[in-house]
Amino acid sequence: MQKTPAHTDYTAPSLPVAAIRWLRAELRAARPVFLFFFCGFMLVLLIVKLALAQYAIEVTTVSRSLIGALVAAKVTLILDETALAHAFSRLPRIVPIAVKSVVYGLGVLLLGFAERLFDAYRHSPSFAAALSHAARQASLLRLLSVVLGITVVFIAYFIINEVSERMGPGALHELLFKAPPPAVTSRSRA
């Protein structure tokens, strides 16, 4: 008598269900990185706000910090999986930290100027006029201070990431968030 394989009722999840599962997994993976960047960007915002308070210049960009942290978290997670990131694997760890920090800092600088250019373009008759207006109106020192602050946040992230990879999975979390074991005291013999 021939046996037939057992019938399974497995069906692939529908596209919306699969998309929701994928999004949930992506958010779960990006959560710690997002929280790090959000806290760092909020600190940069606070420093800029405190520095500009004496000039009565109001700075309220919490939403930019939130969106920036989401973008930074996802971009760093994606770029850490590229061939470019693996090209640094045989070099001293300071090299990828420095290169990534410079690249990300330049990216923030370009995005900051592009944002100002886009805003000027909405109110200008041509791209050339918008470019001229954005260059005249941009507070270069303010933009550079924000870029420097954000670059320092990226440097801190890349250093922590390298140390975490070197120590192994969960070791850095345990070091920072678990209580150390009680110290063992030794009695000297007299």
C-alpha atoms as a PDB file:
ATOM      1  CA  MET A   1       0.000   0.000   0.000  1.00  0.00           C
ATOM      2  CA  GLN A   2       1.398   3.364  -1.046  1.00  0.00           C
ATOM      3  CA  LYS A   3       1.471   6.213   1.471  1.00  0.00           C
ATOM      4  CA  THR A   4       0.466   9.660   0.380  1.00  0.00           C
ATOM      5  CA  PRO A   5       2.159  12.696   1.878  1.00  0.00           C
ATOM      6  CA  ALA A   6       0.210  14.459   4.568  1.00  0.00           C
ATOM      7  CA  HIS A   7      -1.735  17.422   3.269  1.00  0.00           C
ATOM      8  CA  THR A   8      -0.691  20.753   4.736  1.00  0.00           C
ATOM      9  CA  ASP A   9      -2.932  23.768   4.811  1.00  0.00           C
ATOM     10  CA  TYR A  10      -0.102  26.274   4.504  1.00  0.00           C
ATOM     11  CA  THR A  11      -0.840  29.256   2.326  1.00  0.00           C
ATOM     12  CA  ALA A  12       1.453  32.180   1.774  1.00  0.00           C
ATOM     13  CA  PRO A  13       0.367  35.331   3.582  1.00  0.00           C
ATOM     14  CA  SER A  14      -1.363  37.952   1.516  1.00  0.00           C
ATOM     15  CA  LEU A  15       0.652  40.903   0.266  1.00  0.00           C
ATOM     16  CA  PRO A  16      -0.634  43.387   2.903  1.00  0.00           C
ATOM     17  CA  VAL A  17       0.054  40.884   5.715  1.00  0.00           C
ATOM     18  CA  ALA A  18       3.545  40.171   4.365  1.00  0.00           C
ATOM     19  CA  ALA A  19       4.211  43.896   3.996  1.00  0.00           C
ATOM     20  CA  ILE A  20       3.118  44.565   7.579  1.00  0.00           C
ATOM     21  CA  ARG A  21       5.339  41.729   8.863  1.00  0.00           C
ATOM     22  CA  TRP A  22       8.285  43.050   6.857  1.00  0.00           C
ATOM     23  CA  LEU A  23       7.732  46.606   8.108  1.00  0.00           C
ATOM     24  CA  ARG A  24       7.445  45.406  11.702  1.00  0.00           C
ATOM     25  CA  ALA A  25      10.704  43.436  11.399  1.00  0.00           C
ATOM     26  CA  GLU A  26      12.467  46.449   9.843  1.00  0.00           C
ATOM     27  CA  LEU A  27      11.257  48.767  12.591  1.00  0.00           C
ATOM     28  CA  ARG A  28      12.299  46.296  15.270  1.00  0.00           C
ATOM     29  CA  ALA A  29      15.806  46.053  13.781  1.00  0.00           C
ATOM     30  CA  ALA A  30      16.151  49.832  13.415  1.00  0.00           C
ATOM     31  CA  ARG A  31      14.725  50.764  16.831  1.00  0.00           C
ATOM     32  CA  PRO A  32      17.981  50.880  18.859  1.00  0.00           C
ATOM     33  CA  VAL A  33      19.816  52.758  16.118  1.00  0.00           C
ATOM     34  CA  PHE A  34      16.881  55.153  15.709  1.00  0.00           C
ATOM     35  CA  LEU A  35      16.772  55.857  19.452  1.00  0.00           C
ATOM     36  CA  PHE A  36      20.515  56.553  19.482  1.00  0.00           C
ATOM     37  CA  PHE A  37      20.279  59.006  16.571  1.00  0.00           C
ATOM     38  CA  PHE A  38      17.107  60.621  17.909  1.00  0.00           C
ATOM     39  CA  CYS A  39      18.733  61.289  21.285  1.00  0.00           C
ATOM     40  CA  GLY A  40      21.897  62.547  19.589  1.00  0.00           C
ATOM     41  CA  PHE A  41      20.045  64.805  17.163  1.00  0.00           C
ATOM     42  CA  MET A  42      17.889  66.174  19.973  1.00  0.00           C
ATOM     43  CA  LEU A  43      21.060  67.036  21.904  1.00  0.00           C
ATOM     44  CA  VAL A  44      22.413  68.861  18.836  1.00  0.00           C
ATOM     45  CA  LEU A  45      19.089  70.697  18.534  1.00  0.00           C
ATOM     46  CA  LEU A  46      19.213  71.640  22.219  1.00  0.00           C
ATOM     47  CA  ILE A  47      22.776  72.975  21.891  1.00  0.00           C
ATOM     48  CA  VAL A  48      21.858  75.048  18.810  1.00  0.00           C
ATOM     49  CA  LYS A  49      18.704  76.286  20.526  1.00  0.00           C
ATOM     50  CA  LEU A  50      20.644  77.321  23.635  1.00  0.00           C
ATOM     51  CA  ALA A  51      23.324  79.037  21.538  1.00  0.00           C
ATOM     52  CA  LEU A  52      20.742  81.008  19.557  1.00  0.00           C
ATOM     53  CA  ALA A  53      18.549  81.880  22.541  1.00  0.00           C
ATOM     54  CA  GLN A  54      20.691  84.892  23.410  1.00  0.00           C
ATOM     55  CA  TYR A  55      19.855  86.341  19.980  1.00  0.00           C
ATOM     56  CA  ALA A  56      16.114  85.651  20.395  1.00  0.00           C
ATOM     57  CA  ILE A  57      16.172  83.260  17.407  1.00  0.00           C
ATOM     58  CA  GLU A  58      13.575  80.539  17.824  1.00  0.00           C
ATOM     59  CA  VAL A  59      14.514  77.020  16.735  1.00  0.00           C
ATOM     60  CA  THR A  60      11.797  74.384  16.736  1.00  0.00           C
ATOM     61  CA  THR A  61      12.704  71.421  14.601  1.00  0.00           C
ATOM     62  CA  VAL A  62      11.836  68.371  16.668  1.00  0.00           C
ATOM     63  CA  SER A  63      10.144  66.874  13.609  1.00  0.00           C
ATOM     64  CA  ARG A  64      13.383  67.260  11.643  1.00  0.00           C
ATOM     65  CA  SER A  65      15.244  65.428  14.398  1.00  0.00           C
ATOM     66  CA  LEU A  66      12.655  62.656  14.321  1.00  0.00           C
ATOM     67  CA  ILE A  67      12.726  62.271  10.535  1.00  0.00           C
ATOM     68  CA  GLY A  68      16.500  62.686  10.459  1.00  0.00           C
ATOM     69  CA  ALA A  69      16.916  59.942  13.051  1.00  0.00           C
ATOM     70  CA  LEU A  70      14.667  57.593  11.067  1.00  0.00           C
ATOM     71  CA  VAL A  71      16.601  58.264   7.862  1.00  0.00           C
ATOM     72  CA  ALA A  72      20.002  58.049   9.574  1.00  0.00           C
ATOM     73  CA  ALA A  73      19.109  54.760  11.247  1.00  0.00           C
ATOM     74  CA  LYS A  74      17.929  53.135   8.047  1.00  0.00           C
ATOM     75  CA  VAL A  75      20.766  54.497   5.900  1.00  0.00           C
ATOM     76  CA  THR A  76      23.455  53.345   8.325  1.00  0.00           C
ATOM     77  CA  LEU A  77      21.895  49.890   8.614  1.00  0.00           C
ATOM     78  CA  ILE A  78      21.638  49.552   4.834  1.00  0.00           C
ATOM     79  CA  LEU A  79      25.113  50.900   4.056  1.00  0.00           C
ATOM     80  CA  ASP A  80      26.699  48.653   6.696  1.00  0.00           C
ATOM     81  CA  GLU A  81      25.639  45.700   4.535  1.00  0.00           C
ATOM     82  CA  THR A  82      27.161  46.965   1.271  1.00  0.00           C
ATOM     83  CA  ALA A  83      30.390  45.885  -0.396  1.00  0.00           C
ATOM     84  CA  LEU A  84      31.871  49.296   0.420  1.00  0.00           C
ATOM     85  CA  ALA A  85      31.470  48.649   4.147  1.00  0.00           C
ATOM     86  CA  HIS A  86      33.141  45.251   3.795  1.00  0.00           C
ATOM     87  CA  ALA A  87      36.058  46.818   1.888  1.00  0.00           C
ATOM     88  CA  PHE A  88      37.273  48.283   5.199  1.00  0.00           C
ATOM     89  CA  SER A  89      37.334  44.927   6.997  1.00  0.00           C
ATOM     90  CA  ARG A  90      41.141  44.517   6.822  1.00  0.00           C
ATOM     91  CA  LEU A  91      41.999  48.079   7.840  1.00  0.00           C
ATOM     92  CA  PRO A  92      42.420  49.491  11.345  1.00  0.00           C
ATOM     93  CA  ARG A  93      38.966  50.299  12.749  1.00  0.00           C
ATOM     94  CA  ILE A  94      39.689  54.043  12.863  1.00  0.00           C
ATOM     95  CA  VAL A  95      39.756  54.141   9.048  1.00  0.00           C
ATOM     96  CA  PRO A  96      36.108  53.132   8.478  1.00  0.00           C
ATOM     97  CA  ILE A  97      35.042  55.311  11.416  1.00  0.00           C
ATOM     98  CA  ALA A  98      36.791  58.356   9.918  1.00  0.00           C
ATOM     99  CA  VAL A  99      35.710  57.703   6.313  1.00  0.00           C
ATOM    100  CA  LYS A 100      32.076  57.023   7.207  1.00  0.00           C
ATOM    101  CA  SER A 101      31.965  60.081   9.469  1.00  0.00           C
ATOM    102  CA  VAL A 102      33.328  62.374   6.743  1.00  0.00           C
ATOM    103  CA  VAL A 103      30.973  60.908   4.117  1.00  0.00           C
ATOM    104  CA  TYR A 104      27.917  61.170   6.373  1.00  0.00           C
ATOM    105  CA  GLY A 105      28.921  64.682   7.477  1.00  0.00           C
ATOM    106  CA  LEU A 106      29.225  65.793   3.843  1.00  0.00           C
ATOM    107  CA  GLY A 107      25.863  64.153   3.155  1.00  0.00           C
ATOM    108  CA  VAL A 108      24.268  66.161   5.962  1.00  0.00           C
ATOM    109  CA  LEU A 109      25.870  69.343   4.611  1.00  0.00           C
ATOM    110  CA  LEU A 110      24.537  68.652   1.108  1.00  0.00           C
ATOM    111  CA  LEU A 111      21.077  67.793   2.411  1.00  0.00           C
ATOM    112  CA  GLY A 112      21.021  70.957   4.530  1.00  0.00           C
ATOM    113  CA  PHE A 113      21.889  73.134   1.559  1.00  0.00           C
ATOM    114  CA  ALA A 114      19.479  71.209  -0.710  1.00  0.00           C
ATOM    115  CA  GLU A 115      16.696  71.862   1.794  1.00  0.00           C
ATOM    116  CA  ARG A 116      17.426  75.584   1.739  1.00  0.00           C
ATOM    117  CA  LEU A 117      17.626  75.521  -2.060  1.00  0.00           C
ATOM    118  CA  PHE A 118      14.297  73.720  -2.363  1.00  0.00           C
ATOM    119  CA  ASP A 119      12.663  76.205  -0.007  1.00  0.00           C
ATOM    120  CA  ALA A 120      14.072  79.126  -2.031  1.00  0.00           C
ATOM    121  CA  TYR A 121      13.017  77.496  -5.327  1.00  0.00           C
ATOM    122  CA  ARG A 122       9.373  77.425  -4.211  1.00  0.00           C
ATOM    123  CA  HIS A 123       9.435  81.244  -3.922  1.00  0.00           C
ATOM    124  CA  SER A 124      11.699  82.072  -6.878  1.00  0.00           C
ATOM    125  CA  PRO A 125      10.961  82.410 -10.589  1.00  0.00           C
ATOM    126  CA  SER A 126      13.970  80.306 -11.666  1.00  0.00           C
ATOM    127  CA  PHE A 127      16.511  77.844 -10.380  1.00  0.00           C
ATOM    128  CA  ALA A 128      19.338  80.397 -10.748  1.00  0.00           C
ATOM    129  CA  ALA A 129      17.393  82.915  -8.654  1.00  0.00           C
ATOM    130  CA  ALA A 130      16.688  80.235  -6.062  1.00  0.00           C
ATOM    131  CA  LEU A 131      20.364  79.271  -5.933  1.00  0.00           C
ATOM    132  CA  SER A 132      21.374  82.890  -5.463  1.00  0.00           C
ATOM    133  CA  HIS A 133      18.707  83.435  -2.790  1.00  0.00           C
ATOM    134  CA  ALA A 134      19.666  80.240  -0.921  1.00  0.00           C
ATOM    135  CA  ALA A 135      23.343  81.220  -0.943  1.00  0.00           C
ATOM    136  CA  ARG A 136      22.556  84.728   0.355  1.00  0.00           C
ATOM    137  CA  GLN A 137      20.071  83.656   3.006  1.00  0.00           C
ATOM    138  CA  ALA A 138      21.848  80.579   4.310  1.00  0.00           C
ATOM    139  CA  SER A 139      23.351  81.070   7.703  1.00  0.00           C
ATOM    140  CA  LEU A 140      26.574  79.252   6.931  1.00  0.00           C
ATOM    141  CA  LEU A 141      27.783  79.218  10.528  1.00  0.00           C
ATOM    142  CA  ARG A 142      24.481  77.849  11.793  1.00  0.00           C
ATOM    143  CA  LEU A 143      24.451  75.143   9.094  1.00  0.00           C
ATOM    144  CA  LEU A 144      28.075  74.217   9.806  1.00  0.00           C
ATOM    145  CA  SER A 145      27.424  74.030  13.549  1.00  0.00           C
ATOM    146  CA  VAL A 146      24.509  71.661  12.988  1.00  0.00           C
ATOM    147  CA  VAL A 147      26.560  69.579  10.547  1.00  0.00           C
ATOM    148  CA  LEU A 148      29.441  69.407  13.036  1.00  0.00           C
ATOM    149  CA  GLY A 149      27.094  68.319  15.828  1.00  0.00           C
ATOM    150  CA  ILE A 150      25.444  65.661  13.676  1.00  0.00           C
ATOM    151  CA  THR A 151      28.845  64.436  12.475  1.00  0.00           C
ATOM    152  CA  VAL A 152      29.921  64.010  16.113  1.00  0.00           C
ATOM    153  CA  VAL A 153      26.771  61.925  16.680  1.00  0.00           C
ATOM    154  CA  PHE A 154      27.736  59.759  13.682  1.00  0.00           C
ATOM    155  CA  ILE A 155      31.306  59.406  15.013  1.00  0.00           C
ATOM    156  CA  ALA A 156      29.940  58.247  18.383  1.00  0.00           C
ATOM    157  CA  TYR A 157      27.629  55.764  16.646  1.00  0.00           C
ATOM    158  CA  PHE A 158      30.400  54.333  14.467  1.00  0.00           C
ATOM    159  CA  ILE A 159      32.759  53.970  17.446  1.00  0.00           C
ATOM    160  CA  ILE A 160      30.079  52.260  19.554  1.00  0.00           C
ATOM    161  CA  ASN A 161      29.184  50.011  16.617  1.00  0.00           C
ATOM    162  CA  GLU A 162      32.825  48.961  16.116  1.00  0.00           C
ATOM    163  CA  VAL A 163      33.310  48.286  19.838  1.00  0.00           C
ATOM    164  CA  SER A 164      30.061  46.304  19.946  1.00  0.00           C
ATOM    165  CA  GLU A 165      31.095  44.165  16.971  1.00  0.00           C
ATOM    166  CA  ARG A 166      34.508  43.532  18.547  1.00  0.00           C
ATOM    167  CA  MET A 167      33.027  42.532  21.919  1.00  0.00           C
ATOM    168  CA  GLY A 168      30.417  40.216  20.390  1.00  0.00           C
ATOM    169  CA  PRO A 169      26.613  40.131  20.331  1.00  0.00           C
ATOM    170  CA  GLY A 170      25.011  41.539  23.454  1.00  0.00           C
ATOM    171  CA  ALA A 171      28.292  42.135  25.317  1.00  0.00           C
ATOM    172  CA  LEU A 172      28.179  45.939  25.110  1.00  0.00           C
ATOM    173  CA  HIS A 173      24.522  45.962  26.182  1.00  0.00           C
ATOM    174  CA  GLU A 174      25.383  43.738  29.133  1.00  0.00           C
ATOM    175  CA  LEU A 175      28.361  45.926  30.069  1.00  0.00           C
ATOM    176  CA  LEU A 176      26.284  49.111  30.060  1.00  0.00           C
ATOM    177  CA  PHE A 177      22.884  47.959  31.316  1.00  0.00           C
ATOM    178  CA  LYS A 178      23.496  45.021  33.679  1.00  0.00           C
ATOM    179  CA  ALA A 179      24.729  45.364  37.216  1.00  0.00           C
ATOM    180  CA  PRO A 180      28.260  44.051  37.662  1.00  0.00           C
ATOM    181  CA  PRO A 181      28.726  40.923  39.744  1.00  0.00           C
ATOM    182  CA  PRO A 182      29.618  41.541  43.364  1.00  0.00           C
ATOM    183  CA  ALA A 183      33.302  42.121  43.889  1.00  0.00           C
ATOM    184  CA  VAL A 184      35.184  39.236  45.416  1.00  0.00           C
ATOM    185  CA  THR A 185      37.316  40.334  48.305  1.00  0.00           C
ATOM    186  CA  SER A 186      40.387  38.390  49.190  1.00  0.00           C
ATOM    187  CA  ARG A 187      41.754  38.327  52.673  1.00  0.00           C
ATOM    188  CA  SER A 188      45.452  38.560  52.995  1.00  0.00           C
ATOM    189  CA  ARG A 189      47.095  35.850  55.037  1.00  0.00           C
ATOM    190  CA  ALA A 190      49.054  37.028  58.036  1.00  0.00           C
END
